């Protein structure tokens, strides 16, 4: 298998790069590999959109909780799960 095929068919690496990119920086080579993979893989494109939404929601949650203390009781967990599901259903 040539190097291009390894990039195109490696969802495990693509999901790793998606996560890495959301929390920091990826190299130019990694960015190119990810773009090539995403061009041909609809599943990883969906994963990327969902991961961005969830990460954004969590960041917002922590920004909001800096102003008001939140507790992870059952009601809060159910509310958060519902918000996540609503956002994912929009895709």
Protein backbone atom coordinates (compact mmCIF):
# COMPACT_ATOMS: atom_id res chain seq x y z
CA UNK A 1 0.00 0.00 0.00
CA UNK A 2 1.44 3.35 -1.04
CA UNK A 3 1.73 6.39 1.21
CA UNK A 4 -1.33 8.09 -0.29
CA UNK A 5 -3.53 5.04 0.33
CA UNK A 6 -2.34 4.90 3.94
CA UNK A 7 -3.57 8.47 4.41
CA UNK A 8 -6.86 7.99 2.58
CA UNK A 9 -7.88 4.82 4.43
CA UNK A 10 -6.68 5.61 7.97
CA UNK A 11 -9.69 6.84 9.96
CA UNK A 12 -7.92 6.14 13.24
CA UNK A 13 -5.18 8.62 12.40
CA UNK A 14 -7.68 11.13 11.02
CA UNK A 15 -9.73 11.14 14.23
CA UNK A 16 -6.51 11.54 16.23
CA UNK A 17 -5.55 14.56 14.09
CA UNK A 18 -9.04 16.05 14.45
CA UNK A 19 -8.74 15.85 18.24
CA UNK A 20 -5.15 17.13 18.21
CA UNK A 21 -6.13 20.10 16.04
CA UNK A 22 -8.97 21.05 18.39
CA UNK A 23 -6.74 21.19 21.46
CA UNK A 24 -3.63 22.60 19.86
CA UNK A 25 -1.69 22.75 16.63
CA UNK A 26 -0.90 20.19 13.99
CA UNK A 27 2.00 20.27 11.57
CA UNK A 28 1.60 21.29 7.93
CA UNK A 29 2.08 17.65 6.92
CA UNK A 30 -0.62 16.53 9.35
CA UNK A 31 -2.97 19.24 8.06
CA UNK A 32 -2.46 18.06 4.47
CA UNK A 33 -2.96 14.40 5.45
CA UNK A 34 -6.14 15.30 7.34
CA UNK A 35 -7.55 17.34 4.46
CA UNK A 36 -6.84 14.52 1.99
CA UNK A 37 -8.58 12.03 4.27
CA UNK A 38 -11.56 14.28 4.96
CA UNK A 39 -12.02 14.91 1.24
CA UNK A 40 -12.85 11.23 0.74
CA UNK A 41 -14.31 10.18 4.10
CA UNK A 42 -17.79 11.37 4.99
CA UNK A 43 -17.76 9.54 8.32
CA UNK A 44 -14.72 11.46 9.53
CA UNK A 45 -16.22 14.74 8.28
CA UNK A 46 -19.28 14.07 10.44
CA UNK A 47 -17.00 13.13 13.35
CA UNK A 48 -15.12 16.41 12.91
CA UNK A 49 -18.34 18.50 12.92
CA UNK A 50 -19.70 16.69 15.98
CA UNK A 51 -16.41 16.96 17.85
CA UNK A 52 -16.21 20.71 17.13
CA UNK A 53 -19.76 21.20 18.43
CA UNK A 54 -19.17 19.19 21.60
CA UNK A 55 -15.86 20.92 22.27
CA UNK A 56 -17.49 24.32 21.78
CA UNK A 57 -20.33 23.41 24.12
CA UNK A 58 -17.90 22.22 26.80
CA UNK A 59 -15.80 25.37 26.47
CA UNK A 60 -18.95 27.48 26.80
CA UNK A 61 -20.03 25.45 29.81
CA UNK A 62 -16.73 26.10 31.55
CA UNK A 63 -16.87 29.79 30.63
CA UNK A 64 -20.38 29.99 32.07
CA UNK A 65 -19.43 28.01 35.17
CA UNK A 66 -16.64 30.48 35.91
CA UNK A 67 -19.41 33.01 36.58
CA UNK A 68 -21.80 30.65 38.35
CA UNK A 69 -20.92 27.42 40.09
CA UNK A 70 -22.36 24.29 38.43
CA UNK A 71 -22.78 20.94 40.11
CA UNK A 72 -22.93 17.67 38.21
CA UNK A 73 -26.12 16.39 39.77
CA UNK A 74 -28.47 14.10 37.84
CA UNK A 75 -30.64 16.97 36.59
CA UNK A 76 -27.63 18.87 35.29
CA UNK A 77 -26.28 15.74 33.56
CA UNK A 78 -29.62 15.04 31.86
CA UNK A 79 -29.90 18.66 30.75
CA UNK A 80 -26.37 18.60 29.31
CA UNK A 81 -27.03 15.27 27.54
CA UNK A 82 -30.19 16.74 26.01
CA UNK A 83 -28.29 19.80 24.76
CA UNK A 84 -25.60 17.61 23.19
CA UNK A 85 -28.19 15.40 21.49
CA UNK A 86 -30.08 18.44 20.16
CA UNK A 87 -26.88 19.87 18.65
CA UNK A 88 -25.90 16.54 17.10
CA UNK A 89 -29.39 16.11 15.62
CA UNK A 90 -28.88 19.38 13.70
CA UNK A 91 -26.20 17.66 11.58
